[in-house]
Amino acid sequence: MTDTTTPNGAKADKDRVLIFDTTLRDGEQSPGATMTHDEKLEIAEMLDEMGVDIIEAGFPIASEGDFAAVSEIARRSKNAVICGLARANFKDIDRCWEAVRNAGRPRIHTFIGTSPLHRAIPNLTMDEMADRIHETVTHARNLCDNVQWSPMDATRTEHDYLCRVVEIAIKAGATTINIPDTVGYTAPRESAELIRMLLERVPGAGTVVFSTHCHNDLGMATANSLAAVEAGARQIECTINGLGERAGNTALEEVVMALKVRGDIMPFRTGIDTTKIMSISRRVASVSGFPVQFNKAIVGKNAFAHESGIHQDGMLKNKETFEIMRPEDIGLAGTSLPLGKHSGRAALRAKLKDLGYDLADNQLNDVFVRFKALADRKKEVYDEDLIALVADEQTNDA
């Protein structure tokens, strides 16, 4: 396929995937996830340090607080492109530009709903909407060299009309075309087919970056994003922990680690320092008030935890038996082998050795029997419990 472009418009490696993080915009739109000004600055700095290519810092016209945060993030940014969101009108676009203009690498992201359902809201005909797109993208490009355009609800827009308006946006000066699955309706095959269709049918498609923006209403946001990349998209819009409206957005940690772990079938690269994933995941969970579910892929508490005796025994012998990535790769110290009713002797012996106890086989067997009885009554057996069990065993032997 044609080479993609960097966030600044320069030619880049066709296998490089840009990471566009919208935690501070789409993520914060999740009900109850509002962050303070200082918290937004902190998260933006962490995103920049971990290698995120584009940070969508907010929706400048939405509130004075959003404008102030986007403006400050723009002034403080070091490496990332700083992007603001704007609806398809001059007032929004001007306000967005005012907020991001002091960034070393600013971007304006403007959008309009193009599906039949969304065209009915402003009561625009297809031709009137096409004219609006041309006027607003042209205006944005006159202000900023880096312009992203999104046809909201693209996946429910008629294909012929979608091709038409994407072509108009490209001719008007858009440098990135983002294709949103706004309501999380699309399946992976459709996601790939849509990107492929646009690249094949739209004149000038090879001169811009195509982006994918997926929601997780059917649990397919990550799969849809990866399918779009395989079809030719070279920017993924995502959020930390999948934070976002309704069921959330594509999770940054999932797409980044999927590309890293499965490079054998998805030979694409990002610029993310994955060792910073866990720290920012925990911080976003804290400031947003949205805890990460225990079994969440990559960053959940149990993602690298093994309680089953068979699994624990395998992990003690060779970690690759039950782990496809290293916990150190995302910034964790190591694997966890929590002790519970499913644990076996091997894990118990290893844990006791960590605590400084090297028991004879008969002693271990006695402790194991009492450990199993205790584990049936508790969700997890802690170090203090084991120390007490060993003390009882040693007292009985005395």
Protein backbone atom coordinates (compact mmCIF):
# COMPACT_ATOMS: atom_id res chain seq x y z
CA MET A 1 0.00 0.00 0.00
CA THR A 2 0.99 3.66 -0.24
CA ASP A 3 3.23 4.96 2.54
CA THR A 4 1.42 6.65 5.38
CA THR A 5 2.43 9.96 6.93
CA THR A 6 3.66 10.98 10.33
CA PRO A 7 1.56 13.28 12.54
CA ASN A 8 3.37 16.22 10.91
CA GLY A 9 2.68 15.05 7.39
CA ALA A 10 6.12 13.64 6.52
CA LYS A 11 6.44 10.23 4.84
CA ALA A 12 6.91 7.33 7.24
CA ASP A 13 7.40 3.59 7.37
CA LYS A 14 4.27 1.91 6.00
CA ASP A 15 4.35 -0.56 8.92
CA ARG A 16 4.31 2.16 11.60
CA VAL A 17 0.96 2.53 13.39
CA LEU A 18 0.26 5.88 15.04
CA ILE A 19 -1.35 5.82 18.49
CA PHE A 20 -3.94 8.56 18.99
CA ASP A 21 -4.99 8.69 22.64
CA THR A 22 -8.33 10.28 23.48
CA THR A 23 -8.48 9.48 27.21
CA LEU A 24 -8.70 13.20 28.01
CA ARG A 25 -11.56 13.76 25.56
CA ASP A 26 -13.64 10.67 24.76
CA GLY A 27 -12.48 8.92 27.92
CA GLU A 28 -13.50 11.81 30.14
CA GLN A 29 -16.94 11.85 28.48
CA SER A 30 -17.71 8.61 30.32
CA PRO A 31 -20.32 9.54 32.96
CA GLY A 32 -18.58 10.25 36.25
CA ALA A 33 -15.05 10.27 34.83
CA THR A 34 -14.45 14.02 35.00
CA MET A 35 -10.85 14.94 35.82
CA THR A 36 -9.47 18.10 37.38
CA HIS A 37 -7.23 20.50 35.49
CA ASP A 38 -4.08 19.27 37.23
CA GLU A 39 -5.04 15.62 36.71
CA LYS A 40 -5.41 16.24 32.97
CA LEU A 41 -1.97 17.85 32.84
CA GLU A 42 -0.49 14.88 34.70
CA ILE A 43 -2.09 12.29 32.41
CA ALA A 44 -1.04 14.24 29.30
CA GLU A 45 2.56 14.29 30.52
CA MET A 46 2.49 10.54 31.15
CA LEU A 47 1.03 9.91 27.68
CA ASP A 48 3.74 12.05 26.10
CA GLU A 49 6.48 10.24 28.02
CA MET A 50 5.23 6.79 27.02
CA GLY A 51 5.42 7.67 23.33
CA VAL A 52 1.82 8.39 22.34
CA ASP A 53 1.91 10.03 18.90
CA ILE A 54 -1.21 12.20 19.18
CA ILE A 55 -2.96 13.32 22.37
CA GLU A 56 -6.53 14.53 21.97
CA ALA A 57 -6.48 16.85 24.94
CA GLY A 58 -10.13 17.85 24.97
CA PHE A 59 -13.03 19.68 23.35
CA PRO A 60 -12.02 23.35 23.72
CA ILE A 61 -15.41 24.93 23.11
CA ALA A 62 -17.19 22.60 25.54
CA SER A 63 -16.21 24.62 28.63
CA GLU A 64 -13.73 27.16 29.90
CA GLY A 65 -12.11 24.40 31.91
CA ASP A 66 -11.62 22.23 28.84
CA PHE A 67 -10.18 25.17 26.90
CA ALA A 68 -7.75 25.98 29.72
CA ALA A 69 -6.60 22.37 30.01
CA VAL A 70 -6.07 21.94 26.26
CA SER A 71 -4.19 25.24 26.09
CA GLU A 72 -1.88 24.34 28.98
CA ILE A 73 -1.25 20.83 27.63
CA ALA A 74 -0.38 22.38 24.26
CA ARG A 75 2.15 24.72 25.86
CA ARG A 76 3.74 21.94 27.94
CA SER A 77 3.88 19.21 25.29
CA LYS A 78 7.30 17.87 24.36
CA ASN A 79 6.94 15.28 21.62
CA ALA A 80 3.31 14.41 20.96
CA VAL A 81 0.97 16.15 18.56
CA ILE A 82 -1.67 17.96 20.62
CA CYS A 83 -5.14 17.78 19.17
CA GLY A 84 -8.43 19.46 20.01
CA LEU A 85 -11.92 18.48 18.87
CA ALA A 86 -14.28 20.80 16.99
CA ARG A 87 -17.69 20.44 15.42
CA ALA A 88 -18.20 21.43 11.80
CA ASN A 89 -18.57 25.17 12.30
CA PHE A 90 -16.15 28.07 12.22
CA LYS A 91 -16.71 29.07 15.87
CA ASP A 92 -15.71 25.62 17.15
CA ILE A 93 -12.73 25.41 14.83
CA ASP A 94 -11.46 28.87 15.75
CA ARG A 95 -11.74 28.09 19.45
CA CYS A 96 -9.94 24.79 18.94
CA TRP A 97 -7.11 26.48 17.06
CA GLU A 98 -6.78 29.10 19.78
CA ALA A 99 -6.31 26.29 22.32
CA VAL A 100 -3.79 24.14 20.41
CA ARG A 101 -1.86 26.74 18.42
CA ASN A 102 0.99 27.01 20.95
CA ALA A 103 1.80 23.32 20.78
CA GLY A 104 5.00 22.35 19.03
CA ARG A 105 2.84 20.12 16.83
CA PRO A 106 -0.83 21.18 16.83
CA ARG A 107 -3.77 19.40 15.17
CA ILE A 108 -7.41 20.36 14.62
CA HIS A 109 -9.88 17.47 14.63
CA THR A 110 -13.25 18.39 13.15
CA PHE A 111 -16.23 16.10 12.66
CA ILE A 112 -19.83 15.84 11.53
CA GLY A 113 -22.35 13.00 11.64
CA THR A 114 -22.84 11.56 8.14
CA SER A 115 -25.22 8.61 8.61
CA PRO A 116 -28.92 9.05 7.75
CA LEU A 117 -29.75 9.23 11.46
CA HIS A 118 -27.20 11.96 12.08
CA ARG A 119 -27.91 13.93 8.90
CA ALA A 120 -31.47 14.34 10.14
CA ILE A 121 -30.38 16.14 13.31
CA PRO A 122 -29.16 19.38 11.64
CA ASN A 123 -31.74 18.78 8.88
CA LEU A 124 -29.15 18.97 6.09
CA THR A 125 -29.48 17.41 2.67
CA MET A 126 -26.59 15.31 1.37
CA ASP A 127 -25.45 18.21 -0.81
CA GLU A 128 -25.74 20.74 2.00
CA MET A 129 -23.69 18.52 4.30
CA ALA A 130 -21.07 18.02 1.60
CA ASP A 131 -20.78 21.80 1.26
CA ARG A 132 -20.47 22.16 5.05
CA ILE A 133 -17.65 19.61 5.12
CA HIS A 134 -15.76 21.41 2.34
CA GLU A 135 -16.13 24.81 4.01
CA THR A 136 -15.14 23.72 7.52
CA VAL A 137 -12.21 21.49 6.57
CA THR A 138 -10.90 24.24 4.28
CA HIS A 139 -11.19 26.73 7.15
CA ALA A 140 -9.37 24.39 9.54
CA ARG A 141 -6.59 23.79 7.02
CA ASN A 142 -6.14 27.54 6.52
CA LEU A 143 -5.37 27.73 10.25
CA CYS A 144 -3.36 24.54 10.75
CA ASP A 145 -1.29 22.26 8.50
CA ASN A 146 -2.42 19.18 10.45
CA VAL A 147 -6.17 18.55 10.13
CA GLN A 148 -8.09 15.41 10.99
CA TRP A 149 -11.65 14.90 9.77
CA SER A 150 -14.16 12.35 11.06
CA PRO A 151 -17.53 11.33 9.58
CA MET A 152 -19.29 10.44 12.83
CA ASP A 153 -21.22 7.15 12.61
CA ALA A 154 -19.25 6.30 9.48
CA THR A 155 -19.98 2.59 9.81
CA ARG A 156 -23.72 3.27 9.35
CA THR A 157 -23.25 5.73 6.49
CA GLU A 158 -24.10 4.72 2.91
CA HIS A 159 -20.86 3.65 1.20
CA ASP A 160 -21.32 5.85 -1.86
CA TYR A 161 -21.95 8.91 0.27
CA LEU A 162 -19.09 8.07 2.63
CA CYS A 163 -16.69 7.87 -0.32
CA ARG A 164 -18.01 11.18 -1.60
CA VAL A 165 -17.52 13.12 1.65
CA VAL A 166 -14.14 11.54 2.39
CA GLU A 167 -12.96 12.68 -1.04
CA ILE A 168 -14.27 16.18 -0.32
CA ALA A 169 -12.42 16.31 3.02
CA ILE A 170 -9.17 15.18 1.40
CA LYS A 171 -9.46 17.78 -1.37
CA ALA A 172 -10.22 20.45 1.25
CA GLY A 173 -6.94 19.68 3.01
CA ALA A 174 -7.52 16.98 5.64
CA THR A 175 -4.32 15.07 6.36
CA THR A 176 -5.93 12.31 8.47
CA ILE A 177 -9.28 10.66 7.79
CA ASN A 178 -10.70 8.98 10.88
CA ILE A 179 -13.43 6.36 10.45
CA PRO A 180 -15.50 6.08 13.65
CA ASP A 181 -17.61 3.11 14.66
CA THR A 182 -19.46 5.51 16.91
CA VAL A 183 -21.96 3.05 18.35
CA GLY A 184 -19.78 -0.07 18.42
CA TYR A 185 -21.96 -1.88 15.87
CA THR A 186 -19.32 -3.14 13.44
CA ALA A 187 -17.75 -6.61 13.33
CA PRO A 188 -14.04 -7.10 12.48
CA ARG A 189 -14.66 -8.29 8.92
CA GLU A 190 -16.79 -5.20 8.22
CA SER A 191 -14.19 -2.93 9.80
CA ALA A 192 -11.51 -4.26 7.45
CA GLU A 193 -13.79 -4.17 4.40
CA LEU A 194 -14.74 -0.54 5.05
CA ILE A 195 -11.13 0.67 5.24
CA ARG A 196 -10.20 -1.38 2.19
CA MET A 197 -13.16 0.01 0.24
CA LEU A 198 -12.24 3.61 1.03
CA LEU A 199 -8.60 3.10 0.08
CA GLU A 200 -9.64 1.56 -3.23
CA ARG A 201 -12.48 3.91 -4.20
CA VAL A 202 -11.59 7.38 -2.90
CA PRO A 203 -9.29 9.50 -5.11
CA GLY A 204 -6.32 10.75 -3.08
CA ALA A 205 -6.77 8.14 -0.35
CA GLY A 206 -3.11 7.19 -0.60
CA THR A 207 -2.02 10.72 0.34
CA VAL A 208 -3.55 10.73 3.83
CA VAL A 209 -3.48 8.61 6.98
CA PHE A 210 -6.59 6.53 7.58
CA SER A 211 -7.55 6.13 11.22
CA THR A 212 -9.92 3.86 13.12
CA HIS A 213 -12.00 4.85 16.15
CA CYS A 214 -13.98 2.00 17.71
CA HIS A 215 -16.38 1.68 20.61
CA ASN A 216 -16.85 -1.46 22.65
CA ASP A 217 -20.63 -1.88 22.81
CA LEU A 218 -20.39 -5.45 21.47
CA GLY A 219 -16.96 -6.14 22.96
CA MET A 220 -15.19 -5.89 19.59
CA ALA A 221 -13.36 -2.55 19.76
CA THR A 222 -9.86 -4.04 19.91
CA ALA A 223 -10.59 -6.65 17.23
CA ASN A 224 -12.17 -4.02 14.95
CA SER A 225 -9.19 -1.68 15.36
CA LEU A 226 -6.67 -4.41 14.53
CA ALA A 227 -8.74 -5.52 11.53
CA ALA A 228 -8.73 -1.94 10.25
CA VAL A 229 -4.94 -1.78 10.59
CA GLU A 230 -4.54 -5.02 8.65
CA ALA A 231 -6.69 -3.47 5.91
CA GLY A 232 -4.57 -0.32 5.69
CA ALA A 233 -5.46 2.07 8.52
CA ARG A 234 -2.33 3.47 10.15
CA GLN A 235 -3.74 5.31 13.16
CA ILE A 236 -5.64 3.77 16.06
CA GLU A 237 -7.74 5.97 18.33
CA CYS A 238 -7.85 4.54 21.84
CA THR A 239 -7.94 5.28 25.55
CA ILE A 240 -6.16 4.02 28.65
CA ASN A 241 -8.11 1.11 30.19
CA GLY A 242 -10.68 1.45 27.39
CA LEU A 243 -12.27 4.37 29.27
CA GLY A 244 -15.06 5.99 27.27
CA GLU A 245 -18.74 6.57 26.71
CA ARG A 246 -21.17 3.70 27.30
CA ALA A 247 -19.11 0.46 27.10
CA GLY A 248 -15.90 2.38 26.39
CA ASN A 249 -13.35 2.73 23.60
CA THR A 250 -10.56 0.62 22.19
CA ALA A 251 -8.05 0.07 25.00
CA LEU A 252 -4.57 1.41 24.22
CA GLU A 253 -2.86 -1.33 26.22
CA GLU A 254 -4.71 -4.05 24.31
CA VAL A 255 -3.92 -2.92 20.76
CA VAL A 256 -0.32 -2.02 21.59
CA MET A 257 0.42 -5.34 23.28
CA ALA A 258 -1.47 -7.31 20.62
CA LEU A 259 0.77 -5.78 17.95
CA LYS A 260 3.86 -6.40 20.08
CA VAL A 261 3.06 -10.01 20.97
CA ARG A 262 1.58 -11.07 17.62
CA GLY A 263 4.03 -9.39 15.29
CA ASP A 264 4.29 -12.72 13.51
CA ILE A 265 0.88 -12.20 11.89
CA MET A 266 0.52 -8.41 12.38
CA PRO A 267 3.91 -6.98 11.37
CA PHE A 268 3.25 -3.42 12.55
CA ARG A 269 5.07 -1.18 15.02
CA THR A 270 4.07 1.52 17.48
CA GLY A 271 6.29 3.97 19.32
CA ILE A 272 4.91 3.11 22.76
CA ASP A 273 7.21 2.34 25.70
CA THR A 274 5.15 -0.55 27.00
CA THR A 275 6.93 -0.61 30.37
CA LYS A 276 4.93 2.52 31.26
CA ILE A 277 1.54 0.90 30.64
CA MET A 278 0.84 -0.30 34.17
CA SER A 279 1.67 2.98 35.88
CA ILE A 280 -0.58 5.07 33.64
CA SER A 281 -3.34 2.48 33.83
CA ARG A 282 -3.37 2.73 37.61
CA ARG A 283 -3.23 6.52 37.55
CA VAL A 284 -6.11 6.85 35.07
CA ALA A 285 -8.16 4.43 37.17
CA SER A 286 -7.46 6.58 40.22
CA VAL A 287 -8.22 10.02 38.77
CA SER A 288 -11.25 8.89 36.77
CA GLY A 289 -12.78 6.87 39.59
CA PHE A 290 -13.19 3.89 37.24
CA PRO A 291 -11.45 0.83 38.73
CA VAL A 292 -10.01 -1.75 36.36
CA GLN A 293 -11.86 -5.07 36.41
CA PHE A 294 -9.70 -7.84 37.88
CA ASN A 295 -9.70 -9.96 34.70
CA LYS A 296 -9.13 -7.06 32.29
CA ALA A 297 -6.68 -7.98 29.54
CA ILE A 298 -3.11 -6.71 30.09
CA VAL A 299 -3.72 -4.47 33.13
CA GLY A 300 -6.20 -6.37 35.30
CA LYS A 301 -5.09 -7.55 38.75
CA ASN A 302 -5.40 -11.16 37.61
CA ALA A 303 -3.83 -10.74 34.15
CA PHE A 304 -0.56 -12.27 35.40
CA ALA A 305 -1.93 -14.23 38.37
CA HIS A 306 -2.20 -18.03 38.49
CA GLU A 307 -4.01 -19.93 41.26
CA SER A 308 -4.68 -23.32 39.67
CA GLY A 309 -2.24 -25.97 40.90
CA ILE A 310 -1.55 -27.19 37.36
CA HIS A 311 -0.89 -23.65 36.15
CA GLN A 312 1.27 -22.76 39.13
CA ASP A 313 3.36 -25.90 38.72
CA GLY A 314 3.84 -25.11 35.03
CA MET A 315 4.76 -21.49 35.77
CA LEU A 316 7.35 -22.54 38.33
CA LYS A 317 8.99 -24.79 35.74
CA ASN A 318 8.67 -22.53 32.68
CA LYS A 319 6.76 -19.24 32.60
CA GLU A 320 5.97 -19.63 28.92
CA THR A 321 3.66 -22.53 29.72
CA PHE A 322 0.88 -20.14 30.71
CA GLU A 323 2.05 -16.60 29.83
CA ILE A 324 2.31 -15.16 26.32
CA MET A 325 4.02 -11.95 27.47
CA ARG A 326 6.26 -10.95 30.34
CA PRO A 327 4.73 -8.86 33.14
CA GLU A 328 7.95 -6.81 33.07
CA ASP A 329 7.02 -5.71 29.54
CA ILE A 330 4.15 -3.61 30.91
CA GLY A 331 5.98 -2.40 34.01
CA LEU A 332 5.06 -5.09 36.54
CA ALA A 333 7.68 -6.65 38.80
CA GLY A 334 6.66 -10.20 37.97
CA THR A 335 4.07 -12.94 37.96
CA SER A 336 1.76 -13.53 40.91
CA LEU A 337 0.98 -17.01 42.24
CA PRO A 338 -1.79 -16.34 44.78
CA LEU A 339 -2.53 -19.26 47.06
CA GLY A 340 -6.10 -20.51 47.24
CA LYS A 341 -8.10 -23.71 47.27
CA HIS A 342 -6.99 -24.56 43.70
CA SER A 343 -3.27 -24.32 44.50
CA GLY A 344 -1.01 -27.37 44.70
CA ARG A 345 2.03 -28.51 46.67
CA ALA A 346 4.55 -27.02 44.24
CA ALA A 347 3.23 -23.50 44.68
CA LEU A 348 2.95 -23.92 48.44
CA ARG A 349 6.55 -25.18 48.68
CA ALA A 350 7.80 -22.27 46.52
CA LYS A 351 5.92 -19.72 48.62
CA LEU A 352 7.21 -21.18 51.88
CA LYS A 353 10.77 -21.02 50.55
CA ASP A 354 10.20 -17.34 49.72
CA LEU A 355 9.18 -16.87 53.35
CA GLY A 356 12.32 -18.63 54.57
CA TYR A 357 10.93 -22.10 55.31
CA ASP A 358 12.48 -25.26 53.84
CA LEU A 359 10.25 -28.05 55.13
CA ALA A 360 10.81 -31.77 54.93
CA ASP A 361 8.33 -33.68 52.78
CA ASN A 362 6.35 -35.00 55.75
CA GLN A 363 6.12 -31.51 57.25
CA LEU A 364 5.05 -30.04 53.91
CA ASN A 365 2.35 -32.69 53.58
CA ASP A 366 0.94 -31.85 57.00
CA VAL A 367 1.01 -28.10 56.30
CA PHE A 368 -0.59 -28.72 52.89
CA VAL A 369 -3.55 -30.57 54.44
CA ARG A 370 -4.22 -27.71 56.86
CA PHE A 371 -3.60 -25.16 54.09
CA LYS A 372 -6.29 -26.80 51.92
CA ALA A 373 -8.77 -26.78 54.81
CA LEU A 374 -8.07 -23.08 55.39
CA ALA A 375 -8.28 -22.26 51.68
CA ASP A 376 -11.76 -23.77 51.51
CA ARG A 377 -12.86 -21.15 54.05
CA LYS A 378 -11.02 -18.12 52.59
CA LYS A 379 -10.85 -16.51 49.15
CA GLU A 380 -7.08 -16.20 49.42
CA VAL A 381 -4.47 -17.44 51.88
CA TYR A 382 -1.96 -14.75 52.88
CA ASP A 383 1.63 -14.85 54.13
CA GLU A 384 0.49 -14.40 57.72
CA ASP A 385 -1.74 -17.47 57.40
CA LEU A 386 1.15 -19.59 56.10
CA ILE A 387 3.47 -18.42 58.86
CA ALA A 388 0.85 -19.44 61.42
CA LEU A 389 0.39 -22.86 59.77
CA VAL A 390 4.13 -23.52 59.80
CA ALA A 391 4.39 -22.39 63.42
CA ASP A 392 1.65 -24.86 64.37
CA GLU A 393 3.42 -27.67 62.51
CA GLN A 394 6.73 -26.91 64.19
CA THR A 395 5.02 -26.80 67.59
CA ASN A 396 3.42 -30.20 66.97
CA ASP A 397 6.81 -31.66 65.98
CA ALA A 398 8.50 -30.30 69.09
